[in-house]
């Protein structure tokens, strides 16, 4: 059920939130610029996708996988986590630009 400003809520929203909070916990544990960038991109991707998406279930699952994997890769290899988070953010932004250009 959506809130006042959020138009809809998907089934995978509850799957992404624990990983986003895990990312914040990792930042409190070990604050690095790369870690901060990964968590910021994950939260921005989540906010954009949650607010404007309304797309297919497959696209929603792809974003959920990208957000969770970038957070989980953060303690293992920060550079790969940053590349994945940036790629998913660019993917969501591109999809939103195409969606609004088409007027859907």
C-alpha atoms as a PDB file:
ATOM      1  CA  UNK A   1       0.000   0.000   0.000  1.00  0.00           C
ATOM      2  CA  UNK A   2       1.437   3.333  -1.038  1.00  0.00           C
ATOM      3  CA  UNK A   3       1.827   6.359   1.181  1.00  0.00           C
ATOM      4  CA  UNK A   4       0.843   9.931   0.538  1.00  0.00           C
ATOM      5  CA  UNK A   5       3.624  10.729  -1.929  1.00  0.00           C
ATOM      6  CA  UNK A   6       4.709   7.251  -2.935  1.00  0.00           C
ATOM      7  CA  UNK A   7       2.445   5.946  -5.644  1.00  0.00           C
ATOM      8  CA  UNK A   8       2.871   2.214  -5.190  1.00  0.00           C
ATOM      9  CA  UNK A   9       4.696  -0.447  -3.274  1.00  0.00           C
ATOM     10  CA  UNK A  10       6.005  -3.664  -4.739  1.00  0.00           C
ATOM     11  CA  UNK A  11       6.605  -7.097  -3.291  1.00  0.00           C
ATOM     12  CA  UNK A  12      10.381  -6.699  -3.515  1.00  0.00           C
ATOM     13  CA  UNK A  13      10.459  -3.445  -1.546  1.00  0.00           C
ATOM     14  CA  UNK A  14      10.612  -5.424   1.674  1.00  0.00           C
ATOM     15  CA  UNK A  15      13.528  -7.406   0.223  1.00  0.00           C
ATOM     16  CA  UNK A  16      15.642  -4.317  -0.489  1.00  0.00           C
ATOM     17  CA  UNK A  17      15.206  -2.469   2.793  1.00  0.00           C
ATOM     18  CA  UNK A  18      17.233  -4.869   4.998  1.00  0.00           C
ATOM     19  CA  UNK A  19      20.158  -4.611   2.573  1.00  0.00           C
ATOM     20  CA  UNK A  20      19.947  -0.821   2.551  1.00  0.00           C
ATOM     21  CA  UNK A  21      20.021  -0.739   6.347  1.00  0.00           C
ATOM     22  CA  UNK A  22      22.897  -3.232   6.287  1.00  0.00           C
ATOM     23  CA  UNK A  23      24.747  -0.775   4.055  1.00  0.00           C
ATOM     24  CA  UNK A  24      24.196   2.004   6.586  1.00  0.00           C
ATOM     25  CA  UNK A  25      25.457  -0.291   9.344  1.00  0.00           C
ATOM     26  CA  UNK A  26      28.567  -1.045   7.282  1.00  0.00           C
ATOM     27  CA  UNK A  27      29.187   2.692   6.960  1.00  0.00           C
ATOM     28  CA  UNK A  28      29.000   3.126  10.723  1.00  0.00           C
ATOM     29  CA  UNK A  29      31.387   0.215  11.141  1.00  0.00           C
ATOM     30  CA  UNK A  30      33.929   1.321   8.523  1.00  0.00           C
ATOM     31  CA  UNK A  31      33.445   4.697   6.856  1.00  0.00           C
ATOM     32  CA  UNK A  32      35.199   4.920   3.493  1.00  0.00           C
ATOM     33  CA  UNK A  33      34.490   7.227   0.540  1.00  0.00           C
ATOM     34  CA  UNK A  34      33.818   4.263  -1.749  1.00  0.00           C
ATOM     35  CA  UNK A  35      31.486   2.673   0.785  1.00  0.00           C
ATOM     36  CA  UNK A  36      29.624   5.943   1.198  1.00  0.00           C
ATOM     37  CA  UNK A  37      29.250   6.207  -2.585  1.00  0.00           C
ATOM     38  CA  UNK A  38      27.898   2.652  -2.869  1.00  0.00           C
ATOM     39  CA  UNK A  39      25.357   3.151  -0.087  1.00  0.00           C
ATOM     40  CA  UNK A  40      24.325   6.566  -1.453  1.00  0.00           C
ATOM     41  CA  UNK A  41      23.815   5.151  -4.947  1.00  0.00           C
ATOM     42  CA  UNK A  42      21.857   2.215  -3.526  1.00  0.00           C
ATOM     43  CA  UNK A  43      19.545   4.540  -1.588  1.00  0.00           C
ATOM     44  CA  UNK A  44      19.116   6.860  -4.595  1.00  0.00           C
ATOM     45  CA  UNK A  45      18.337   3.900  -6.833  1.00  0.00           C
ATOM     46  CA  UNK A  46      15.824   2.620  -4.311  1.00  0.00           C
ATOM     47  CA  UNK A  47      14.164   6.036  -3.973  1.00  0.00           C
ATOM     48  CA  UNK A  48      13.935   6.607  -7.736  1.00  0.00           C
ATOM     49  CA  UNK A  49      12.678   3.122  -8.446  1.00  0.00           C
ATOM     50  CA  UNK A  50      10.212   3.214  -5.565  1.00  0.00           C
ATOM     51  CA  UNK A  51       8.807   6.611  -6.517  1.00  0.00           C
ATOM     52  CA  UNK A  52       8.691   6.574 -10.308  1.00  0.00           C
ATOM     53  CA  UNK A  53       9.119   3.047 -11.591  1.00  0.00           C
ATOM     54  CA  UNK A  54       5.826   1.173 -11.879  1.00  0.00           C
ATOM     55  CA  UNK A  55       7.445  -1.094 -14.454  1.00  0.00           C
ATOM     56  CA  UNK A  56       7.515  -4.824 -14.839  1.00  0.00           C
ATOM     57  CA  UNK A  57       8.166  -7.339 -12.114  1.00  0.00           C
ATOM     58  CA  UNK A  58      11.372  -8.416 -13.864  1.00  0.00           C
ATOM     59  CA  UNK A  59      12.720  -4.866 -13.814  1.00  0.00           C
ATOM     60  CA  UNK A  60      11.810  -4.545 -10.158  1.00  0.00           C
ATOM     61  CA  UNK A  61      13.648  -7.779  -9.352  1.00  0.00           C
ATOM     62  CA  UNK A  62      16.681  -6.621 -11.335  1.00  0.00           C
ATOM     63  CA  UNK A  63      16.903  -3.446  -9.274  1.00  0.00           C
ATOM     64  CA  UNK A  64      16.428  -5.421  -6.046  1.00  0.00           C
ATOM     65  CA  UNK A  65      19.232  -7.781  -7.046  1.00  0.00           C
ATOM     66  CA  UNK A  66      21.533  -4.911  -8.026  1.00  0.00           C
ATOM     67  CA  UNK A  67      20.959  -3.008  -4.792  1.00  0.00           C
ATOM     68  CA  UNK A  68      21.395  -6.059  -2.576  1.00  0.00           C
ATOM     69  CA  UNK A  69      24.449  -7.383  -4.431  1.00  0.00           C
ATOM     70  CA  UNK A  70      26.266  -4.041  -4.355  1.00  0.00           C
ATOM     71  CA  UNK A  71      25.729  -3.813  -0.589  1.00  0.00           C
ATOM     72  CA  UNK A  72      26.809  -7.424  -0.040  1.00  0.00           C
ATOM     73  CA  UNK A  73      29.937  -6.959  -2.167  1.00  0.00           C
ATOM     74  CA  UNK A  74      30.942  -3.843  -0.248  1.00  0.00           C
ATOM     75  CA  UNK A  75      32.975  -5.606   2.484  1.00  0.00           C
ATOM     76  CA  UNK A  76      34.538  -8.009  -0.036  1.00  0.00           C
ATOM     77  CA  UNK A  77      35.605  -5.699  -2.857  1.00  0.00           C
ATOM     78  CA  UNK A  78      34.669  -2.019  -2.824  1.00  0.00           C
ATOM     79  CA  UNK A  79      35.544  -1.310  -6.465  1.00  0.00           C
ATOM     80  CA  UNK A  80      33.261  -4.033  -7.831  1.00  0.00           C
ATOM     81  CA  UNK A  81      30.473  -2.925  -5.491  1.00  0.00           C
ATOM     82  CA  UNK A  82      30.861   0.665  -6.685  1.00  0.00           C
ATOM     83  CA  UNK A  83      30.778  -0.334 -10.365  1.00  0.00           C
ATOM     84  CA  UNK A  84      27.665  -2.460  -9.821  1.00  0.00           C
ATOM     85  CA  UNK A  85      25.884   0.274  -7.841  1.00  0.00           C
ATOM     86  CA  UNK A  86      26.747   2.873 -10.480  1.00  0.00           C
ATOM     87  CA  UNK A  87      25.616   0.574 -13.300  1.00  0.00           C
ATOM     88  CA  UNK A  88      22.254  -0.126 -11.651  1.00  0.00           C
ATOM     89  CA  UNK A  89      21.751   3.592 -10.922  1.00  0.00           C
ATOM     90  CA  UNK A  90      22.482   4.497 -14.559  1.00  0.00           C
ATOM     91  CA  UNK A  91      20.170   1.698 -15.706  1.00  0.00           C
ATOM     92  CA  UNK A  92      17.292   3.012 -13.586  1.00  0.00           C
ATOM     93  CA  UNK A  93      17.906   6.618 -14.675  1.00  0.00           C
ATOM     94  CA  UNK A  94      17.966   5.585 -18.348  1.00  0.00           C
ATOM     95  CA  UNK A  95      14.738   3.634 -17.966  1.00  0.00           C
ATOM     96  CA  UNK A  96      13.061   6.595 -16.273  1.00  0.00           C
ATOM     97  CA  UNK A  97      14.209   9.039 -18.968  1.00  0.00           C
ATOM     98  CA  UNK A  98      12.860   6.734 -21.670  1.00  0.00           C
ATOM     99  CA  UNK A  99       9.618   6.263 -19.735  1.00  0.00           C
ATOM    100  CA  UNK A 100       9.029  10.005 -19.381  1.00  0.00           C
ATOM    101  CA  UNK A 101      10.103  10.799 -22.964  1.00  0.00           C
ATOM    102  CA  UNK A 102       7.520   8.326 -24.251  1.00  0.00           C
ATOM    103  CA  UNK A 103       4.881   9.788 -21.967  1.00  0.00           C
ATOM    104  CA  UNK A 104       4.029   6.491 -20.309  1.00  0.00           C
END
